[in-house]
């Protein structure tokens, strides 16, 4: 099982992308990737929306995600969200080993 979070950051005048750039350039994103239980931490930019950034954030289990949420890095992330005046929405998914019913449509 993995917990996958899709976090959407919304800003103005390029602030969401500037936030993602600072997360990467400061090394903070790499620190999160190195945390025990982190499986994925990647930023994506929607082609049709220059003011939104999608973060796909995946964790081994709830305990790993809870540990991350209690880490000092969360304070730094919150500071950066304030700095860039970002708003957010989140989607949470639980992955498992269930067979994919539409596998005939997925090209491997």
N, C-alpha and C. Protein backbone atom coordinates (compact mmCIF):
# COMPACT_ATOMS: atom_id res chain seq x y z
N UNK A 1 0.84 -1.19 0.00
CA UNK A 1 0.00 0.00 0.00
C UNK A 1 0.88 1.24 0.00
N UNK A 2 0.46 2.24 -0.73
CA UNK A 2 1.09 3.56 -0.70
C UNK A 2 0.00 4.61 -0.60
N UNK A 3 0.35 5.73 0.00
CA UNK A 3 -0.54 6.88 0.04
C UNK A 3 0.01 7.89 -0.95
N UNK A 4 -0.82 8.28 -1.89
CA UNK A 4 -0.41 9.24 -2.91
C UNK A 4 -1.23 10.51 -2.72
N UNK A 5 -0.52 11.62 -2.58
CA UNK A 5 -1.17 12.92 -2.45
C UNK A 5 -0.91 13.73 -3.71
N UNK A 6 -1.97 14.21 -4.32
CA UNK A 6 -1.85 15.19 -5.39
C UNK A 6 -2.16 16.54 -4.76
N UNK A 7 -1.15 17.38 -4.66
CA UNK A 7 -1.31 18.71 -4.07
C UNK A 7 -1.22 19.74 -5.18
N UNK A 8 -2.26 20.53 -5.31
CA UNK A 8 -2.30 21.59 -6.31
C UNK A 8 -2.02 22.92 -5.63
N UNK A 9 -1.00 23.62 -6.11
CA UNK A 9 -0.64 24.94 -5.61
C UNK A 9 -1.11 25.97 -6.62
N UNK A 10 -1.90 26.94 -6.17
CA UNK A 10 -2.43 27.99 -7.03
C UNK A 10 -1.83 29.33 -6.63
N UNK A 11 -1.33 30.06 -7.61
CA UNK A 11 -0.75 31.37 -7.33
C UNK A 11 -1.11 32.37 -8.41
N UNK A 12 -0.39 33.47 -8.41
CA UNK A 12 -0.57 34.53 -9.41
C UNK A 12 0.80 35.00 -9.88
N UNK A 13 0.86 35.39 -11.13
CA UNK A 13 2.08 35.97 -11.70
C UNK A 13 3.30 35.05 -11.56
N UNK A 14 3.08 33.76 -11.72
CA UNK A 14 4.19 32.82 -11.69
C UNK A 14 4.64 32.38 -10.31
N UNK A 15 3.88 32.77 -9.27
CA UNK A 15 4.34 32.47 -7.91
C UNK A 15 4.35 30.97 -7.59
N UNK A 16 3.44 30.20 -8.14
CA UNK A 16 3.43 28.75 -7.85
C UNK A 16 4.68 28.09 -8.43
N UNK A 17 5.05 28.48 -9.62
CA UNK A 17 6.27 27.92 -10.22
C UNK A 17 7.52 28.41 -9.49
N UNK A 18 7.49 29.65 -9.03
CA UNK A 18 8.63 30.18 -8.26
C UNK A 18 8.77 29.40 -6.94
N UNK A 19 7.65 29.05 -6.33
CA UNK A 19 7.66 28.24 -5.11
C UNK A 19 8.32 26.88 -5.39
N UNK A 20 7.88 26.21 -6.46
CA UNK A 20 8.45 24.90 -6.79
C UNK A 20 9.94 25.02 -7.10
N UNK A 21 10.32 26.07 -7.79
CA UNK A 21 11.74 26.30 -8.08
C UNK A 21 12.54 26.47 -6.79
N UNK A 22 12.00 27.23 -5.85
CA UNK A 22 12.73 27.42 -4.59
C UNK A 22 12.80 26.13 -3.78
N UNK A 23 11.73 25.35 -3.80
CA UNK A 23 11.76 24.05 -3.12
C UNK A 23 12.88 23.18 -3.68
N UNK A 24 13.03 23.17 -4.99
CA UNK A 24 14.07 22.36 -5.63
C UNK A 24 15.46 22.97 -5.43
N UNK A 25 15.60 24.25 -5.69
CA UNK A 25 16.92 24.90 -5.64
C UNK A 25 17.49 25.01 -4.23
N UNK A 26 16.62 25.08 -3.23
CA UNK A 26 17.07 25.19 -1.84
C UNK A 26 17.51 23.83 -1.27
N UNK A 27 17.15 22.76 -1.96
CA UNK A 27 17.46 21.42 -1.47
C UNK A 27 16.38 20.84 -0.58
N UNK A 28 15.35 21.62 -0.28
CA UNK A 28 14.28 21.14 0.58
C UNK A 28 13.55 19.95 -0.03
N UNK A 29 13.28 19.99 -1.32
CA UNK A 29 12.62 18.86 -1.98
C UNK A 29 13.47 17.60 -1.87
N UNK A 30 14.78 17.73 -2.04
CA UNK A 30 15.66 16.56 -1.91
C UNK A 30 15.67 16.02 -0.49
N UNK A 31 15.58 16.89 0.50
CA UNK A 31 15.51 16.44 1.89
C UNK A 31 14.25 15.62 2.13
N UNK A 32 13.15 16.06 1.54
CA UNK A 32 11.89 15.32 1.68
C UNK A 32 12.00 13.97 0.98
N UNK A 33 12.59 13.97 -0.21
CA UNK A 33 12.78 12.70 -0.94
C UNK A 33 13.62 11.70 -0.15
N UNK A 34 14.51 12.20 0.69
CA UNK A 34 15.40 11.34 1.48
C UNK A 34 14.75 10.84 2.77
N UNK A 35 13.58 11.36 3.10
CA UNK A 35 12.91 10.92 4.32
C UNK A 35 12.51 9.46 4.22
N UNK A 36 12.59 8.78 5.35
CA UNK A 36 12.17 7.39 5.43
C UNK A 36 10.70 7.26 5.02
N UNK A 37 10.43 6.42 4.05
CA UNK A 37 9.06 6.17 3.62
C UNK A 37 8.60 7.01 2.45
N UNK A 38 9.39 7.99 2.02
CA UNK A 38 9.00 8.76 0.84
C UNK A 38 9.27 7.94 -0.41
N UNK A 39 8.29 7.86 -1.27
CA UNK A 39 8.42 7.09 -2.51
C UNK A 39 8.46 7.97 -3.76
N UNK A 40 7.93 9.18 -3.64
CA UNK A 40 7.91 10.09 -4.79
C UNK A 40 7.63 11.50 -4.30
N UNK A 41 8.31 12.45 -4.90
CA UNK A 41 8.09 13.86 -4.59
C UNK A 41 8.48 14.64 -5.83
N UNK A 42 7.50 14.92 -6.70
CA UNK A 42 7.78 15.55 -7.98
C UNK A 42 6.76 16.63 -8.30
N UNK A 43 7.27 17.71 -8.87
CA UNK A 43 6.43 18.82 -9.31
C UNK A 43 6.15 18.71 -10.81
N UNK A 44 4.91 19.06 -11.19
CA UNK A 44 4.50 19.07 -12.59
C UNK A 44 3.76 20.36 -12.88
N UNK A 45 3.84 20.81 -14.12
CA UNK A 45 3.18 22.05 -14.55
C UNK A 45 2.13 21.74 -15.59
N UNK A 46 0.86 22.06 -15.32
CA UNK A 46 -0.17 21.86 -16.34
C UNK A 46 0.11 22.75 -17.55
N UNK A 47 0.04 22.17 -18.70
CA UNK A 47 0.33 22.91 -19.94
C UNK A 47 -0.64 24.07 -20.16
N UNK A 48 -1.89 23.88 -19.76
CA UNK A 48 -2.90 24.91 -20.03
C UNK A 48 -3.16 25.85 -18.85
N UNK A 49 -2.35 25.76 -17.79
CA UNK A 49 -2.57 26.62 -16.62
C UNK A 49 -1.23 27.03 -16.01
N UNK A 50 -0.69 28.17 -16.42
CA UNK A 50 0.63 28.58 -15.94
C UNK A 50 0.65 29.03 -14.47
N UNK A 51 -0.51 29.13 -13.84
CA UNK A 51 -0.57 29.59 -12.45
C UNK A 51 -0.77 28.46 -11.44
N UNK A 52 -0.70 27.22 -11.91
CA UNK A 52 -0.89 26.07 -11.04
C UNK A 52 0.31 25.14 -11.14
N UNK A 53 0.68 24.56 -10.01
CA UNK A 53 1.71 23.52 -9.95
C UNK A 53 1.10 22.32 -9.25
N UNK A 54 1.35 21.14 -9.79
CA UNK A 54 0.91 19.89 -9.18
C UNK A 54 2.11 19.22 -8.54
N UNK A 55 1.98 18.86 -7.27
CA UNK A 55 2.98 18.06 -6.58
C UNK A 55 2.40 16.67 -6.38
N UNK A 56 3.09 15.65 -6.88
CA UNK A 56 2.72 14.26 -6.59
C UNK A 56 3.67 13.78 -5.51
N UNK A 57 3.09 13.45 -4.37
CA UNK A 57 3.82 13.15 -3.15
C UNK A 57 3.34 11.78 -2.67
N UNK A 58 4.21 10.79 -2.66
CA UNK A 58 3.81 9.43 -2.33
C UNK A 58 4.60 8.91 -1.13
N UNK A 59 3.89 8.20 -0.24
CA UNK A 59 4.48 7.71 1.00
C UNK A 59 4.15 6.25 1.20
N UNK A 60 5.05 5.51 1.82
CA UNK A 60 4.91 4.08 2.04
C UNK A 60 3.65 3.75 2.83
N UNK A 61 3.35 4.57 3.85
CA UNK A 61 2.18 4.31 4.71
C UNK A 61 1.86 5.58 5.50
N UNK A 62 0.79 5.49 6.29
CA UNK A 62 0.35 6.66 7.05
C UNK A 62 1.38 7.09 8.08
N UNK A 63 2.08 6.14 8.67
CA UNK A 63 3.11 6.48 9.67
C UNK A 63 4.21 7.34 9.06
N UNK A 64 4.64 7.01 7.85
CA UNK A 64 5.68 7.80 7.18
C UNK A 64 5.16 9.20 6.86
N UNK A 65 3.92 9.29 6.42
CA UNK A 65 3.33 10.60 6.12
C UNK A 65 3.17 11.43 7.39
N UNK A 66 2.74 10.79 8.47
CA UNK A 66 2.61 11.50 9.75
C UNK A 66 3.96 12.02 10.23
N UNK A 67 4.99 11.20 10.10
CA UNK A 67 6.34 11.61 10.50
C UNK A 67 6.77 12.85 9.70
N UNK A 68 6.50 12.83 8.39
CA UNK A 68 6.82 13.98 7.54
C UNK A 68 6.06 15.23 8.00
N UNK A 69 4.78 15.06 8.29
CA UNK A 69 3.97 16.21 8.71
C UNK A 69 4.43 16.80 10.03
N UNK A 70 5.09 16.01 10.87
CA UNK A 70 5.59 16.49 12.15
C UNK A 70 7.03 17.00 12.06
N UNK A 71 7.66 16.88 10.91
CA UNK A 71 9.06 17.27 10.76
C UNK A 71 9.20 18.79 10.68
N UNK A 72 10.38 19.30 11.01
CA UNK A 72 10.64 20.74 10.91
C UNK A 72 10.52 21.27 9.47
N UNK A 73 10.62 20.39 8.50
CA UNK A 73 10.49 20.83 7.10
C UNK A 73 9.12 21.41 6.81
N UNK A 74 8.11 20.95 7.53
CA UNK A 74 6.77 21.47 7.30
C UNK A 74 6.67 22.96 7.62
N UNK A 75 7.41 23.41 8.64
CA UNK A 75 7.43 24.84 8.95
C UNK A 75 8.04 25.63 7.80
N UNK A 76 9.11 25.11 7.23
CA UNK A 76 9.77 25.79 6.10
C UNK A 76 8.85 25.82 4.87
N UNK A 77 8.17 24.71 4.61
CA UNK A 77 7.23 24.67 3.48
C UNK A 77 6.11 25.69 3.70
N UNK A 78 5.58 25.76 4.92
CA UNK A 78 4.52 26.73 5.22
C UNK A 78 5.02 28.16 5.02
N UNK A 79 6.26 28.44 5.43
CA UNK A 79 6.83 29.77 5.22
C UNK A 79 6.91 30.10 3.73
N UNK A 80 7.30 29.14 2.92
CA UNK A 80 7.40 29.38 1.48
C UNK A 80 6.02 29.56 0.85
N UNK A 81 5.03 28.81 1.32
CA UNK A 81 3.67 29.00 0.80
C UNK A 81 3.18 30.41 1.11
N UNK A 82 3.49 30.90 2.31
CA UNK A 82 3.12 32.27 2.67
C UNK A 82 3.89 33.28 1.81
N UNK A 83 5.18 33.06 1.67
CA UNK A 83 6.03 33.96 0.88
C UNK A 83 5.46 34.15 -0.53
N UNK A 84 4.99 33.06 -1.13
CA UNK A 84 4.48 33.12 -2.50
C UNK A 84 2.97 33.26 -2.57
N UNK A 85 2.31 33.43 -1.40
CA UNK A 85 0.87 33.65 -1.32
C UNK A 85 0.09 32.59 -2.10
N UNK A 86 0.37 31.33 -1.78
CA UNK A 86 -0.25 30.23 -2.50
C UNK A 86 -1.47 29.69 -1.76
N UNK A 87 -2.40 29.18 -2.53
CA UNK A 87 -3.55 28.45 -2.02
C UNK A 87 -3.43 27.03 -2.54
N UNK A 88 -4.13 26.11 -1.90
CA UNK A 88 -3.94 24.70 -2.23
C UNK A 88 -5.26 23.95 -2.26
N UNK A 89 -5.22 22.84 -2.97
CA UNK A 89 -6.24 21.80 -2.83
C UNK A 89 -5.50 20.47 -2.86
N UNK A 90 -6.14 19.43 -2.31
CA UNK A 90 -5.47 18.14 -2.20
C UNK A 90 -6.40 17.00 -2.58
N UNK A 91 -5.81 15.98 -3.16
CA UNK A 91 -6.49 14.72 -3.44
C UNK A 91 -5.64 13.62 -2.82
N UNK A 92 -6.29 12.67 -2.20
CA UNK A 92 -5.58 11.57 -1.54
C UNK A 92 -6.03 10.25 -2.15
N UNK A 93 -5.05 9.41 -2.47
CA UNK A 93 -5.32 8.11 -3.06
C UNK A 93 -4.55 7.04 -2.29
N UNK A 94 -5.15 5.89 -2.17
CA UNK A 94 -4.49 4.74 -1.56
C UNK A 94 -4.28 3.73 -2.69
N UNK A 95 -3.02 3.38 -2.92
CA UNK A 95 -2.73 2.41 -3.97
C UNK A 95 -2.60 1.04 -3.34
N UNK A 96 -2.87 0.04 -4.13
CA UNK A 96 -2.76 -1.34 -3.65
C UNK A 96 -2.36 -2.25 -4.78
N UNK A 97 -2.56 -3.51 -4.58
CA UNK A 97 -2.18 -4.50 -5.58
C UNK A 97 -3.37 -5.05 -6.34
N UNK A 98 -4.48 -4.36 -6.32
CA UNK A 98 -5.66 -4.82 -7.04
C UNK A 98 -5.38 -4.79 -8.54
N UNK A 99 -5.91 -5.75 -9.28
CA UNK A 99 -5.69 -5.76 -10.73
C UNK A 99 -6.34 -4.54 -11.38
N UNK A 100 -5.72 -4.06 -12.42
CA UNK A 100 -6.25 -2.91 -13.15
C UNK A 100 -7.27 -3.43 -14.15
N UNK A 101 -8.53 -3.03 -13.96
CA UNK A 101 -9.59 -3.55 -14.82
C UNK A 101 -9.50 -3.02 -16.25
N UNK A 102 -8.87 -1.91 -16.42
CA UNK A 102 -8.74 -1.35 -17.77
C UNK A 102 -7.33 -1.53 -18.31
N UNK A 103 -6.68 -2.61 -17.91
CA UNK A 103 -5.28 -2.84 -18.33
C UNK A 103 -5.12 -2.93 -19.84
N UNK A 104 -6.15 -3.29 -20.54
CA UNK A 104 -6.04 -3.36 -22.01
C UNK A 104 -5.81 -1.98 -22.64
N UNK A 105 -6.10 -0.93 -21.87
CA UNK A 105 -5.91 0.43 -22.38
C UNK A 105 -4.56 1.03 -21.96
N UNK A 106 -3.86 0.34 -21.07
CA UNK A 106 -2.59 0.83 -20.55
C UNK A 106 -1.45 0.17 -21.30
N UNK A 107 -0.66 0.98 -21.97
CA UNK A 107 0.46 0.45 -22.73
C UNK A 107 1.68 0.34 -21.82
N UNK A 108 2.24 -0.83 -21.74
CA UNK A 108 3.41 -1.04 -20.88
C UNK A 108 4.69 -0.77 -21.63
